Amino acid sequence: MTLRDVLLDPSIFAKPMAFEPERWLSDNPDLQRINQAYVPFGKGSRMCVGLNLALAELYIVIASVFRRFDMELYDTVRERDVDAVRDCFIGETSPESRGVRVKIVEAYRSSLLAREK
């Protein structure tokens, strides 16, 4: 079993390739079922020991980046840079992909200073 097989299974996650953060809200009737299938760090005795540390770091870093910068996608094509098109034990993007890239549009702090003036 690979994580990709579970996390992208349409019988578990309706429209698995769609960005639907509302599927994780408490009013979703399927929340308990999808929480049990969400296994990005494995399950049982072979589960990643760094799960809690990794999640804490992710929350802090992502919150800091999105709070401090306004960004927009730069030279990113979903089919080339996001969608998995090869199976190399984990799904990988096209060999031509340079990854998902963003451009910093404006630092949040400078926009606050401009508003105060």
PDB file of N, CA and C in Angstrom:
ATOM      1  N   MET A   1       0.845  -1.182   0.000  1.00  0.00           N
ATOM      2  CA  MET A   1       0.000   0.000   0.000  1.00  0.00           C
ATOM      3  C   MET A   1       0.886   1.239   0.000  1.00  0.00           C
ATOM      4  N   THR A   2       0.587   2.160  -0.863  1.00  0.00           N
ATOM      5  CA  THR A   2       1.270   3.441  -0.845  1.00  0.00           C
ATOM      6  C   THR A   2       0.288   4.498  -0.351  1.00  0.00           C
ATOM      7  N   LEU A   3       0.841   5.567   0.182  1.00  0.00           N
ATOM      8  CA  LEU A   3      -0.007   6.653   0.670  1.00  0.00           C
ATOM      9  C   LEU A   3      -0.871   7.220  -0.441  1.00  0.00           C
ATOM     10  N   ARG A   4      -0.320   7.278  -1.632  1.00  0.00           N
ATOM     11  CA  ARG A   4      -1.058   7.840  -2.759  1.00  0.00           C
ATOM     12  C   ARG A   4      -2.323   7.035  -3.025  1.00  0.00           C
ATOM     13  N   ASP A   5      -2.230   5.707  -2.922  1.00  0.00           N
ATOM     14  CA  ASP A   5      -3.412   4.870  -3.156  1.00  0.00           C
ATOM     15  C   ASP A   5      -4.519   5.177  -2.162  1.00  0.00           C
ATOM     16  N   VAL A   6      -4.154   5.439  -0.923  1.00  0.00           N
ATOM     17  CA  VAL A   6      -5.161   5.710   0.109  1.00  0.00           C
ATOM     18  C   VAL A   6      -5.661   7.146   0.016  1.00  0.00           C
ATOM     19  N   LEU A   7      -4.746   8.103  -0.041  1.00  0.00           N
ATOM     20  CA  LEU A   7      -5.137   9.510   0.021  1.00  0.00           C
ATOM     21  C   LEU A   7      -5.865   9.996  -1.232  1.00  0.00           C
ATOM     22  N   LEU A   8      -5.703   9.303  -2.346  1.00  0.00           N
ATOM     23  CA  LEU A   8      -6.373   9.708  -3.581  1.00  0.00           C
ATOM     24  C   LEU A   8      -7.462   8.722  -3.992  1.00  0.00           C
ATOM     25  N   ASP A   9      -7.940   7.920  -3.055  1.00  0.00           N
ATOM     26  CA  ASP A   9      -9.004   6.955  -3.327  1.00  0.00           C
ATOM     27  C   ASP A   9     -10.355   7.667  -3.295  1.00  0.00           C
ATOM     28  N   PRO A  10     -11.062   7.724  -4.449  1.00  0.00           N
ATOM     29  CA  PRO A  10     -12.347   8.435  -4.479  1.00  0.00           C
ATOM     30  C   PRO A  10     -13.434   7.784  -3.625  1.00  0.00           C
ATOM     31  N   SER A  11     -13.270   6.510  -3.263  1.00  0.00           N
ATOM     32  CA  SER A  11     -14.268   5.897  -2.388  1.00  0.00           C
ATOM     33  C   SER A  11     -14.107   6.364  -0.940  1.00  0.00           C
ATOM     34  N   ILE A  12     -12.941   6.913  -0.614  1.00  0.00           N
ATOM     35  CA  ILE A  12     -12.699   7.453   0.732  1.00  0.00           C
ATOM     36  C   ILE A  12     -12.881   8.968   0.739  1.00  0.00           C
ATOM     37  N   PHE A  13     -12.203   9.640  -0.173  1.00  0.00           N
ATOM     38  CA  PHE A  13     -12.255  11.101  -0.268  1.00  0.00           C
ATOM     39  C   PHE A  13     -12.964  11.479  -1.566  1.00  0.00           C
ATOM     40  N   ALA A  14     -14.160  12.010  -1.455  1.00  0.00           N
ATOM     41  CA  ALA A  14     -14.883  12.451  -2.655  1.00  0.00           C
ATOM     42  C   ALA A  14     -14.066  13.538  -3.342  1.00  0.00           C
ATOM     43  N   LYS A  15     -13.895  13.422  -4.633  1.00  0.00           N
ATOM     44  CA  LYS A  15     -13.085  14.357  -5.423  1.00  0.00           C
ATOM     45  C   LYS A  15     -11.721  14.578  -4.754  1.00  0.00           C
ATOM     46  N   PRO A  16     -10.873  13.558  -4.691  1.00  0.00           N
ATOM     47  CA  PRO A  16      -9.613  13.664  -3.959  1.00  0.00           C
ATOM     48  C   PRO A  16      -8.629  14.683  -4.534  1.00  0.00           C
ATOM     49  N   MET A  17      -8.734  15.019  -5.818  1.00  0.00           N
ATOM     50  CA  MET A  17      -7.804  15.976  -6.422  1.00  0.00           C
ATOM     51  C   MET A  17      -8.267  17.419  -6.274  1.00  0.00           C
ATOM     52  N   ALA A  18      -9.468  17.613  -5.755  1.00  0.00           N
ATOM     53  CA  ALA A  18      -9.999  18.971  -5.590  1.00  0.00           C
ATOM     54  C   ALA A  18      -9.566  19.544  -4.241  1.00  0.00           C
ATOM     55  N   PHE A  19      -9.321  20.834  -4.227  1.00  0.00           N
ATOM     56  CA  PHE A  19      -8.986  21.531  -2.982  1.00  0.00           C
ATOM     57  C   PHE A  19     -10.295  21.855  -2.280  1.00  0.00           C
ATOM     58  N   GLU A  20     -10.623  21.067  -1.259  1.00  0.00           N
ATOM     59  CA  GLU A  20     -11.865  21.254  -0.509  1.00  0.00           C
ATOM     60  C   GLU A  20     -11.568  21.217   0.987  1.00  0.00           C
ATOM     61  N   PRO A  21     -11.060  22.298   1.544  1.00  0.00           N
ATOM     62  CA  PRO A  21     -10.741  22.290   2.975  1.00  0.00           C
ATOM     63  C   PRO A  21     -11.960  22.091   3.862  1.00  0.00           C
ATOM     64  N   GLU A  22     -13.154  22.364   3.344  1.00  0.00           N
ATOM     65  CA  GLU A  22     -14.370  22.193   4.149  1.00  0.00           C
ATOM     66  C   GLU A  22     -14.648  20.729   4.479  1.00  0.00           C
ATOM     67  N   ARG A  23     -13.984  19.791   3.790  1.00  0.00           N
ATOM     68  CA  ARG A  23     -14.195  18.379   4.118  1.00  0.00           C
ATOM     69  C   ARG A  23     -13.682  18.044   5.508  1.00  0.00           C
ATOM     70  N   TRP A  24     -12.831  18.895   6.088  1.00  0.00           N
ATOM     71  CA  TRP A  24     -12.261  18.656   7.411  1.00  0.00           C
ATOM     72  C   TRP A  24     -13.005  19.405   8.518  1.00  0.00           C
ATOM     73  N   LEU A  25     -14.095  20.104   8.185  1.00  0.00           N
ATOM     74  CA  LEU A  25     -14.857  20.826   9.196  1.00  0.00           C
ATOM     75  C   LEU A  25     -15.745  19.865   9.985  1.00  0.00           C
ATOM     76  N   SER A  26     -16.079  20.248  11.206  1.00  0.00           N
ATOM     77  CA  SER A  26     -16.820  19.360  12.108  1.00  0.00           C
ATOM     78  C   SER A  26     -18.239  19.044  11.636  1.00  0.00           C
ATOM     79  N   ASP A  27     -18.815  19.850  10.742  1.00  0.00           N
ATOM     80  CA  ASP A  27     -20.176  19.568  10.286  1.00  0.00           C
ATOM     81  C   ASP A  27     -20.225  18.573   9.121  1.00  0.00           C
ATOM     82  N   ASN A  28     -19.077  18.064   8.682  1.00  0.00           N
ATOM     83  CA  ASN A  28     -19.036  17.052   7.631  1.00  0.00           C
ATOM     84  C   ASN A  28     -19.433  15.699   8.226  1.00  0.00           C
ATOM     85  N   PRO A  29     -20.501  15.052   7.717  1.00  0.00           N
ATOM     86  CA  PRO A  29     -20.930  13.770   8.281  1.00  0.00           C
ATOM     87  C   PRO A  29     -19.906  12.647   8.080  1.00  0.00           C
ATOM     88  N   ASP A  30     -19.002  12.789   7.112  1.00  0.00           N
ATOM     89  CA  ASP A  30     -17.991  11.763   6.844  1.00  0.00           C
ATOM     90  C   ASP A  30     -16.671  12.025   7.556  1.00  0.00           C
ATOM     91  N   LEU A  31     -16.615  13.004   8.445  1.00  0.00           N
ATOM     92  CA  LEU A  31     -15.351  13.403   9.062  1.00  0.00           C
ATOM     93  C   LEU A  31     -14.664  12.254   9.798  1.00  0.00           C
ATOM     94  N   GLN A  32     -15.387  11.490  10.571  1.00  0.00           N
ATOM     95  CA  GLN A  32     -14.762  10.398  11.322  1.00  0.00           C
ATOM     96  C   GLN A  32     -14.168   9.357  10.373  1.00  0.00           C
ATOM     97  N   ARG A  33     -14.879   9.031   9.309  1.00  0.00           N
ATOM     98  CA  ARG A  33     -14.397   8.037   8.346  1.00  0.00           C
ATOM     99  C   ARG A  33     -13.150   8.518   7.615  1.00  0.00           C
ATOM    100  N   ILE A  34     -13.121   9.785   7.174  1.00  0.00           N
ATOM    101  CA  ILE A  34     -11.946  10.258   6.443  1.00  0.00           C
ATOM    102  C   ILE A  34     -10.767  10.499   7.379  1.00  0.00           C
ATOM    103  N   ASN A  35     -11.025  10.844   8.637  1.00  0.00           N
ATOM    104  CA  ASN A  35      -9.922  10.968   9.604  1.00  0.00           C
ATOM    105  C   ASN A  35      -9.216   9.635   9.806  1.00  0.00           C
ATOM    106  N   GLN A  36      -9.968   8.541   9.802  1.00  0.00           N
ATOM    107  CA  GLN A  36      -9.364   7.218   9.966  1.00  0.00           C
ATOM    108  C   GLN A  36      -8.524   6.829   8.759  1.00  0.00           C
ATOM    109  N   ALA A  37      -8.894   7.315   7.574  1.00  0.00           N
ATOM    110  CA  ALA A  37      -8.166   6.969   6.357  1.00  0.00           C
ATOM    111  C   ALA A  37      -7.013   7.928   6.072  1.00  0.00           C
ATOM    112  N   TYR A  38      -6.958   9.048   6.763  1.00  0.00           N
ATOM    113  CA  TYR A  38      -5.896  10.030   6.531  1.00  0.00           C
ATOM    114  C   TYR A  38      -4.627   9.550   7.242  1.00  0.00           C
ATOM    115  N   VAL A  39      -3.711   8.982   6.483  1.00  0.00           N
ATOM    116  CA  VAL A  39      -2.529   8.342   7.068  1.00  0.00           C
ATOM    117  C   VAL A  39      -1.215   8.840   6.444  1.00  0.00           C
ATOM    118  N   PRO A  40      -0.972  10.140   6.373  1.00  0.00           N
ATOM    119  CA  PRO A  40       0.252  10.599   5.729  1.00  0.00           C
ATOM    120  C   PRO A  40       1.523  10.232   6.497  1.00  0.00           C
ATOM    121  N   PHE A  41       1.403   9.881   7.777  1.00  0.00           N
ATOM    122  CA  PHE A  41       2.564   9.499   8.567  1.00  0.00           C
ATOM    123  C   PHE A  41       2.545   8.019   8.929  1.00  0.00           C
ATOM    124  N   GLY A  42       1.716   7.242   8.259  1.00  0.00           N
ATOM    125  CA  GLY A  42       1.630   5.821   8.534  1.00  0.00           C
ATOM    126  C   GLY A  42       0.689   5.533   9.693  1.00  0.00           C
ATOM    127  N   LYS A  43       0.613   4.254  10.073  1.00  0.00           N
ATOM    128  CA  LYS A  43      -0.265   3.820  11.164  1.00  0.00           C
ATOM    129  C   LYS A  43       0.425   2.718  11.945  1.00  0.00           C
ATOM    130  N   GLY A  44       0.000   2.549  13.160  1.00  0.00           N
ATOM    131  CA  GLY A  44       0.433   1.414  13.971  1.00  0.00           C
ATOM    132  C   GLY A  44       1.883   1.497  14.426  1.00  0.00           C
ATOM    133  N   SER A  45       2.522   0.346  14.562  1.00  0.00           N
ATOM    134  CA  SER A  45       3.876   0.284  15.122  1.00  0.00           C
ATOM    135  C   SER A  45       4.931   0.879  14.198  1.00  0.00           C
ATOM    136  N   ARG A  46       4.608   1.041  12.921  1.00  0.00           N
ATOM    137  CA  ARG A  46       5.581   1.611  11.989  1.00  0.00           C
ATOM    138  C   ARG A  46       5.306   3.086  11.695  1.00  0.00           C
ATOM    139  N   MET A  47       4.506   3.693  12.519  1.00  0.00           N
ATOM    140  CA  MET A  47       4.150   5.102  12.349  1.00  0.00           C
ATOM    141  C   MET A  47       5.365   5.997  12.597  1.00  0.00           C
ATOM    142  N   CYS A  48       5.421   7.093  11.917  1.00  0.00           N
ATOM    143  CA  CYS A  48       6.524   8.048  12.061  1.00  0.00           C
ATOM    144  C   CYS A  48       6.573   8.584  13.488  1.00  0.00           C
ATOM    145  N   VAL A  49       7.744   8.483  14.123  1.00  0.00           N
ATOM    146  CA  VAL A  49       7.863   8.944  15.503  1.00  0.00           C
ATOM    147  C   VAL A  49       7.887  10.472  15.587  1.00  0.00           C
ATOM    148  N   GLY A  50       8.163  11.137  14.487  1.00  0.00           N
ATOM    149  CA  GLY A  50       8.238  12.589  14.490  1.00  0.00           C
ATOM    150  C   GLY A  50       6.954  13.280  14.082  1.00  0.00           C
ATOM    151  N   LEU A  51       5.840  12.556  14.110  1.00  0.00           N
ATOM    152  CA  LEU A  51       4.561  13.106  13.660  1.00  0.00           C
ATOM    153  C   LEU A  51       4.202  14.412  14.354  1.00  0.00           C
ATOM    154  N   ASN A  52       4.199  14.437  15.659  1.00  0.00           N
ATOM    155  CA  ASN A  52       3.768  15.630  16.392  1.00  0.00           C
ATOM    156  C   ASN A  52       4.712  16.805  16.162  1.00  0.00           C
ATOM    157  N   LEU A  53       6.006  16.549  16.125  1.00  0.00           N
ATOM    158  CA  LEU A  53       6.969  17.613  15.853  1.00  0.00           C
ATOM    159  C   LEU A  53       6.786  18.145  14.429  1.00  0.00           C
ATOM    160  N   ALA A  54       6.628  17.251  13.482  1.00  0.00           N
ATOM    161  CA  ALA A  54       6.449  17.674  12.090  1.00  0.00           C
ATOM    162  C   ALA A  54       5.195  18.527  11.922  1.00  0.00           C
ATOM    163  N   LEU A  55       4.091  18.106  12.529  1.00  0.00           N
ATOM    164  CA  LEU A  55       2.853  18.883  12.415  1.00  0.00           C
ATOM    165  C   LEU A  55       2.987  20.252  13.076  1.00  0.00           C
ATOM    166  N   ALA A  56       3.616  20.309  14.245  1.00  0.00           N
ATOM    167  CA  ALA A  56       3.806  21.595  14.924  1.00  0.00           C
ATOM    168  C   ALA A  56       4.646  22.540  14.064  1.00  0.00           C
ATOM    169  N   GLU A  57       5.719  22.015  13.477  1.00  0.00           N
ATOM    170  CA  GLU A  57       6.563  22.852  12.622  1.00  0.00           C
ATOM    171  C   GLU A  57       5.799  23.328  11.388  1.00  0.00           C
ATOM    172  N   LEU A  58       5.017  22.438  10.789  1.00  0.00           N
ATOM    173  CA  LEU A  58       4.229  22.826   9.621  1.00  0.00           C
ATOM    174  C   LEU A  58       3.246  23.949   9.939  1.00  0.00           C
ATOM    175  N   TYR A  59       2.536  23.821  11.053  1.00  0.00           N
ATOM    176  CA  TYR A  59       1.564  24.852  11.428  1.00  0.00           C
ATOM    177  C   TYR A  59       2.252  26.200  11.630  1.00  0.00           C
ATOM    178  N   ILE A  60       3.373  26.219  12.309  1.00  0.00           N
ATOM    179  CA  ILE A  60       4.077  27.478  12.596  1.00  0.00           C
ATOM    180  C   ILE A  60       4.630  28.097  11.320  1.00  0.00           C
ATOM    181  N   VAL A  61       5.288  27.299  10.493  1.00  0.00           N
ATOM    182  CA  VAL A  61       5.911  27.831   9.278  1.00  0.00           C
ATOM    183  C   VAL A  61       4.861  28.331   8.293  1.00  0.00           C
ATOM    184  N   ILE A  62       3.840  27.528   8.052  1.00  0.00           N
ATOM    185  CA  ILE A  62       2.820  27.933   7.085  1.00  0.00           C
ATOM    186  C   ILE A  62       2.092  29.190   7.552  1.00  0.00           C
ATOM    187  N   ALA A  63       1.749  29.245   8.827  1.00  0.00           N
ATOM    188  CA  ALA A  63       1.077  30.435   9.352  1.00  0.00           C
ATOM    189  C   ALA A  63       1.970  31.662   9.227  1.00  0.00           C
ATOM    190  N   SER A  64       3.254  31.512   9.527  1.00  0.00           N
ATOM    191  CA  SER A  64       4.177  32.652   9.439  1.00  0.00           C
ATOM    192  C   SER A  64       4.328  33.154   8.011  1.00  0.00           C
ATOM    193  N   VAL A  65       4.474  32.245   7.070  1.00  0.00           N
ATOM    194  CA  VAL A  65       4.660  32.641   5.674  1.00  0.00           C
ATOM    195  C   VAL A  65       3.414  33.344   5.142  1.00  0.00           C
ATOM    196  N   PHE A  66       2.236  32.751   5.380  1.00  0.00           N
ATOM    197  CA  PHE A  66       1.014  33.357   4.849  1.00  0.00           C
ATOM    198  C   PHE A  66       0.645  34.647   5.561  1.00  0.00           C
ATOM    199  N   ARG A  67       1.097  34.818   6.771  1.00  0.00           N
ATOM    200  CA  ARG A  67       0.803  36.052   7.490  1.00  0.00           C
ATOM    201  C   ARG A  67       1.701  37.192   7.040  1.00  0.00           C
ATOM    202  N   ARG A  68       2.914  36.872   6.662  1.00  0.00           N
ATOM    203  CA  ARG A  68       3.895  37.915   6.351  1.00  0.00           C
ATOM    204  C   ARG A  68       3.968  38.306   4.882  1.00  0.00           C
ATOM    205  N   PHE A  69       3.492  37.456   3.983  1.00  0.00           N
ATOM    206  CA  PHE A  69       3.683  37.726   2.563  1.00  0.00           C
ATOM    207  C   PHE A  69       2.387  37.523   1.781  1.00  0.00           C
ATOM    208  N   ASP A  70       2.211  38.351   0.760  1.00  0.00           N
ATOM    209  CA  ASP A  70       1.167  38.145  -0.234  1.00  0.00           C
ATOM    210  C   ASP A  70       1.846  37.485  -1.431  1.00  0.00           C
ATOM    211  N   MET A  71       1.300  36.367  -1.883  1.00  0.00           N
ATOM    212  CA  MET A  71       1.953  35.608  -2.946  1.00  0.00           C
ATOM    213  C   MET A  71       0.967  35.301  -4.062  1.00  0.00           C
ATOM    214  N   GLU A  72       1.538  35.009  -5.230  1.00  0.00           N
ATOM    215  CA  GLU A  72       0.745  34.518  -6.349  1.00  0.00           C
ATOM    216  C   GLU A  72       1.559  33.458  -7.079  1.00  0.00           C
ATOM    217  N   LEU A  73       0.865  32.531  -7.743  1.00  0.00           N
ATOM    218  CA  LEU A  73       1.558  31.484  -8.479  1.00  0.00           C
ATOM    219  C   LEU A  73       2.352  32.098  -9.619  1.00  0.00           C
ATOM    220  N   TYR A  74       3.521  31.528  -9.864  1.00  0.00           N
ATOM    221  CA  TYR A  74       4.385  32.015 -10.937  1.00  0.00           C
ATOM    222  C   TYR A  74       4.776  30.836 -11.822  1.00  0.00           C
ATOM    223  N   ASP A  75       4.461  30.905 -13.102  1.00  0.00           N
ATOM    224  CA  ASP A  75       4.844  29.889 -14.081  1.00  0.00           C
ATOM    225  C   ASP A  75       4.532  28.477 -13.577  1.00  0.00           C
ATOM    226  N   THR A  76       3.301  28.298 -13.091  1.00  0.00           N
ATOM    227  CA  THR A  76       2.873  26.992 -12.586  1.00  0.00           C
ATOM    228  C   THR A  76       1.681  26.513 -13.400  1.00  0.00           C
ATOM    229  N   VAL A  77       1.800  25.298 -13.917  1.00  0.00           N
ATOM    230  CA  VAL A  77       0.735  24.663 -14.686  1.00  0.00           C
ATOM    231  C   VAL A  77       0.339  23.402 -13.933  1.00  0.00           C
ATOM    232  N   ARG A  78      -0.932  23.273 -13.620  1.00  0.00           N
ATOM    233  CA  ARG A  78      -1.382  22.147 -12.797  1.00  0.00           C
ATOM    234  C   ARG A  78      -0.954  20.795 -13.372  1.00  0.00           C
ATOM    235  N   GLU A  79      -1.195  20.567 -14.659  1.00  0.00           N
ATOM    236  CA  GLU A  79      -0.893  19.272 -15.266  1.00  0.00           C
ATOM    237  C   GLU A  79       0.597  18.947 -15.206  1.00  0.00           C
ATOM    238  N   ARG A  80       1.449  19.931 -15.323  1.00  0.00           N
ATOM    239  CA  ARG A  80       2.899  19.719 -15.323  1.00  0.00           C
ATOM    240  C   ARG A  80       3.500  19.746 -13.928  1.00  0.00           C
ATOM    241  N   ASP A  81       3.054  20.668 -13.079  1.00  0.00           N
ATOM    242  CA  ASP A  81       3.736  20.927 -11.811  1.00  0.00           C
ATOM    243  C   ASP A  81       3.033  20.397 -10.570  1.00  0.00           C
ATOM    244  N   VAL A  82       1.773  19.990 -10.680  1.00  0.00           N
ATOM    245  CA  VAL A  82       1.023  19.565  -9.494  1.00  0.00           C
ATOM    246  C   VAL A  82       0.569  18.115  -9.598  1.00  0.00           C
ATOM    247  N   ASP A  83      -0.086  17.760 -10.696  1.00  0.00           N
ATOM    248  CA  ASP A  83      -0.658  16.421 -10.838  1.00  0.00           C
ATOM    249  C   ASP A  83       0.432  15.352 -10.916  1.00  0.00           C
ATOM    250  N   ALA A  84       0.210  14.236 -10.234  1.00  0.00           N
ATOM    251  CA  ALA A  84       1.138  13.102 -10.296  1.00  0.00           C
ATOM    252  C   ALA A  84       0.901  12.353 -11.603  1.00  0.00           C
ATOM    253  N   VAL A  85       1.951  12.215 -12.395  1.00  0.00           N
ATOM    254  CA  VAL A  85       1.835  11.532 -13.680  1.00  0.00           C
ATOM    255  C   VAL A  85       2.741  10.302 -13.758  1.00  0.00           C
ATOM    256  N   ARG A  86       3.610  10.109 -12.758  1.00  0.00           N
ATOM    257  CA  ARG A  86       4.514   8.959 -12.739  1.00  0.00           C
ATOM    258  C   ARG A  86       4.408   8.276 -11.384  1.00  0.00           C
ATOM    259  N   ASP A  87       4.601   6.973 -11.381  1.00  0.00           N
ATOM    260  CA  ASP A  87       4.590   6.231 -10.130  1.00  0.00           C
ATOM    261  C   ASP A  87       6.008   5.757  -9.843  1.00  0.00           C
ATOM    262  N   CYS A  88       6.656   6.406  -8.902  1.00  0.00           N
ATOM    263  CA  CYS A  88       8.005   6.048  -8.484  1.00  0.00           C
ATOM    264  C   CYS A  88       7.942   5.704  -6.995  1.00  0.00           C
ATOM    265  N   PHE A  89       7.089   4.766  -6.646  1.00  0.00           N
ATOM    266  CA  PHE A  89       6.669   4.398  -5.302  1.00  0.00           C
ATOM    267  C   PHE A  89       5.794   5.492  -4.709  1.00  0.00           C
ATOM    268  N   ILE A  90       6.171   6.730  -4.883  1.00  0.00           N
ATOM    269  CA  ILE A  90       5.274   7.833  -4.568  1.00  0.00           C
ATOM    270  C   ILE A  90       4.948   8.518  -5.893  1.00  0.00           C
ATOM    271  N   GLY A  91       3.813   9.159  -5.956  1.00  0.00           N
ATOM    272  CA  GLY A  91       3.459   9.842  -7.184  1.00  0.00           C
ATOM    273  C   GLY A  91       4.372  11.034  -7.412  1.00  0.00           C
ATOM    274  N   GLU A  92       4.852  11.182  -8.623  1.00  0.00           N
ATOM    275  CA  GLU A  92       5.721  12.310  -8.962  1.00  0.00           C
ATOM    276  C   GLU A  92       5.156  13.072 -10.139  1.00  0.00           C
ATOM    277  N   THR A  93       5.545  14.324 -10.213  1.00  0.00           N
ATOM    278  CA  THR A  93       5.093  15.179 -11.306  1.00  0.00           C
ATOM    279  C   THR A  93       5.919  14.902 -12.553  1.00  0.00           C
ATOM    280  N   SER A  94       5.590  15.590 -13.590  1.00  0.00           N
ATOM    281  CA  SER A  94       6.282  15.450 -14.871  1.00  0.00           C
ATOM    282  C   SER A  94       7.773  15.749 -14.706  1.00  0.00           C
ATOM    283  N   PRO A  95       8.643  15.063 -15.461  1.00  0.00           N
ATOM    284  CA  PRO A  95      10.079  15.361 -15.388  1.00  0.00           C
ATOM    285  C   PRO A  95      10.413  16.802 -15.787  1.00  0.00           C
ATOM    286  N   GLU A  96       9.535  17.424 -16.566  1.00  0.00           N
ATOM    287  CA  GLU A  96       9.769  18.814 -16.988  1.00  0.00           C
ATOM    288  C   GLU A  96       9.400  19.828 -15.905  1.00  0.00           C
ATOM    289  N   SER A  97       8.782  19.364 -14.844  1.00  0.00           N
ATOM    290  CA  SER A  97       8.305  20.266 -13.793  1.00  0.00           C
ATOM    291  C   SER A  97       9.460  20.921 -13.046  1.00  0.00           C
ATOM    292  N   ARG A  98       9.300  22.197 -12.771  1.00  0.00           N
ATOM    293  CA  ARG A  98      10.252  22.918 -11.920  1.00  0.00           C
ATOM    294  C   ARG A  98       9.652  23.132 -10.544  1.00  0.00           C
ATOM    295  N   GLY A  99       8.519  22.487 -10.280  1.00  0.00           N
ATOM    296  CA  GLY A  99       7.857  22.595  -8.993  1.00  0.00           C
ATOM    297  C   GLY A  99       6.840  23.718  -8.982  1.00  0.00           C
ATOM    298  N   VAL A 100       6.081  23.770  -7.912  1.00  0.00           N
ATOM    299  CA  VAL A 100       5.125  24.852  -7.733  1.00  0.00           C
ATOM    300  C   VAL A 100       5.914  26.057  -7.261  1.00  0.00           C
ATOM    301  N   ARG A 101       5.844  27.120  -8.031  1.00  0.00           N
ATOM    302  CA  ARG A 101       6.614  28.311  -7.681  1.00  0.00           C
ATOM    303  C   ARG A 101       5.670  29.475  -7.404  1.00  0.00           C
ATOM    304  N   VAL A 102       6.045  30.303  -6.472  1.00  0.00           N
ATOM    305  CA  VAL A 102       5.262  31.484  -6.151  1.00  0.00           C
ATOM    306  C   VAL A 102       6.148  32.710  -6.238  1.00  0.00           C
ATOM    307  N   LYS A 103       5.492  33.834  -6.432  1.00  0.00           N
ATOM    308  CA  LYS A 103       6.185  35.114  -6.482  1.00  0.00           C
ATOM    309  C   LYS A 103       5.645  35.955  -5.335  1.00  0.00           C
ATOM    310  N   ILE A 104       6.559  36.539  -4.566  1.00  0.00           N
ATOM    311  CA  ILE A 104       6.146  37.423  -3.486  1.00  0.00           C
ATOM    312  C   ILE A 104       5.671  38.725  -4.117  1.00  0.00           C
ATOM    313  N   VAL A 105       4.401  39.028  -3.909  1.00  0.00           N
ATOM    314  CA  VAL A 105       3.819  40.232  -4.494  1.00  0.00           C
ATOM    315  C   VAL A 105       4.106  41.423  -3.599  1.00  0.00           C
ATOM    316  N   GLU A 106       3.895  41.216  -2.313  1.00  0.00           N
ATOM    317  CA  GLU A 106       4.077  42.322  -1.377  1.00  0.00           C
ATOM    318  C   GLU A 106       4.249  41.746   0.017  1.00  0.00           C
ATOM    319  N   ALA A 107       5.168  42.311   0.753  1.00  0.00           N
ATOM    320  CA  ALA A 107       5.306  41.922   2.150  1.00  0.00           C
ATOM    321  C   ALA A 107       4.169  42.560   2.932  1.00  0.00           C
ATOM    322  N   TYR A 108       3.553  41.815   3.806  1.00  0.00           N
ATOM    323  CA  TYR A 108       2.390  42.280   4.556  1.00  0.00           C
ATOM    324  C   TYR A 108       2.727  43.498   5.396  1.00  0.00           C
ATOM    325  N   ARG A 109       3.881  43.503   5.980  1.00  0.00           N
ATOM    326  CA  ARG A 109       4.271  44.614   6.843  1.00  0.00           C
ATOM    327  C   ARG A 109       4.312  45.928   6.057  1.00  0.00           C
ATOM    328  N   SER A 110       4.838  45.898   4.818  1.00  0.00           N
ATOM    329  CA  SER A 110       4.892  47.137   4.034  1.00  0.00           C
ATOM    330  C   SER A 110       3.499  47.605   3.655  1.00  0.00           C
ATOM    331  N   SER A 111       2.589  46.653   3.426  1.00  0.00           N
ATOM    332  CA  SER A 111       1.216  47.075   3.094  1.00  0.00           C
ATOM    333  C   SER A 111       0.525  47.701   4.303  1.00  0.00           C
ATOM    334  N   LEU A 112       0.847  47.238   5.504  1.00  0.00           N
ATOM    335  CA  LEU A 112       0.289  47.859   6.715  1.00  0.00           C
ATOM    336  C   LEU A 112       0.807  49.274   6.888  1.00  0.00           C
ATOM    337  N   LEU A 113       2.102  49.461   6.638  1.00  0.00           N
ATOM    338  CA  LEU A 113       2.692  50.794   6.766  1.00  0.00           C
ATOM    339  C   LEU A 113       2.071  51.757   5.772  1.00  0.00           C
ATOM    340  N   ALA A 114       1.801  51.272   4.563  1.00  0.00           N
ATOM    341  CA  ALA A 114       1.217  52.123   3.536  1.00  0.00           C
ATOM    342  C   ALA A 114      -0.206  52.535   3.923  1.00  0.00           C
ATOM    343  N   ARG A 115      -0.937  51.636   4.564  1.00  0.00           N
ATOM    344  CA  ARG A 115      -2.307  51.944   4.983  1.00  0.00           C
ATOM    345  C   ARG A 115      -2.335  52.972   6.106  1.00  0.00           C
ATOM    346  N   GLU A 116      -1.330  52.940   6.965  1.00  0.00           N
ATOM    347  CA  GLU A 116      -1.296  53.873   8.088  1.00  0.00           C
ATOM    348  C   GLU A 116      -1.016  55.294   7.656  1.00  0.00           C
ATOM    349  N   LYS A 117      -0.372  55.467   6.515  1.00  0.00           N
ATOM    350  CA  LYS A 117       0.002  56.818   6.065  1.00  0.00           C
ATOM    351  C   LYS A 117      -1.134  57.552   5.440  1.00  0.00           C
TER     352      LYS A 117
END
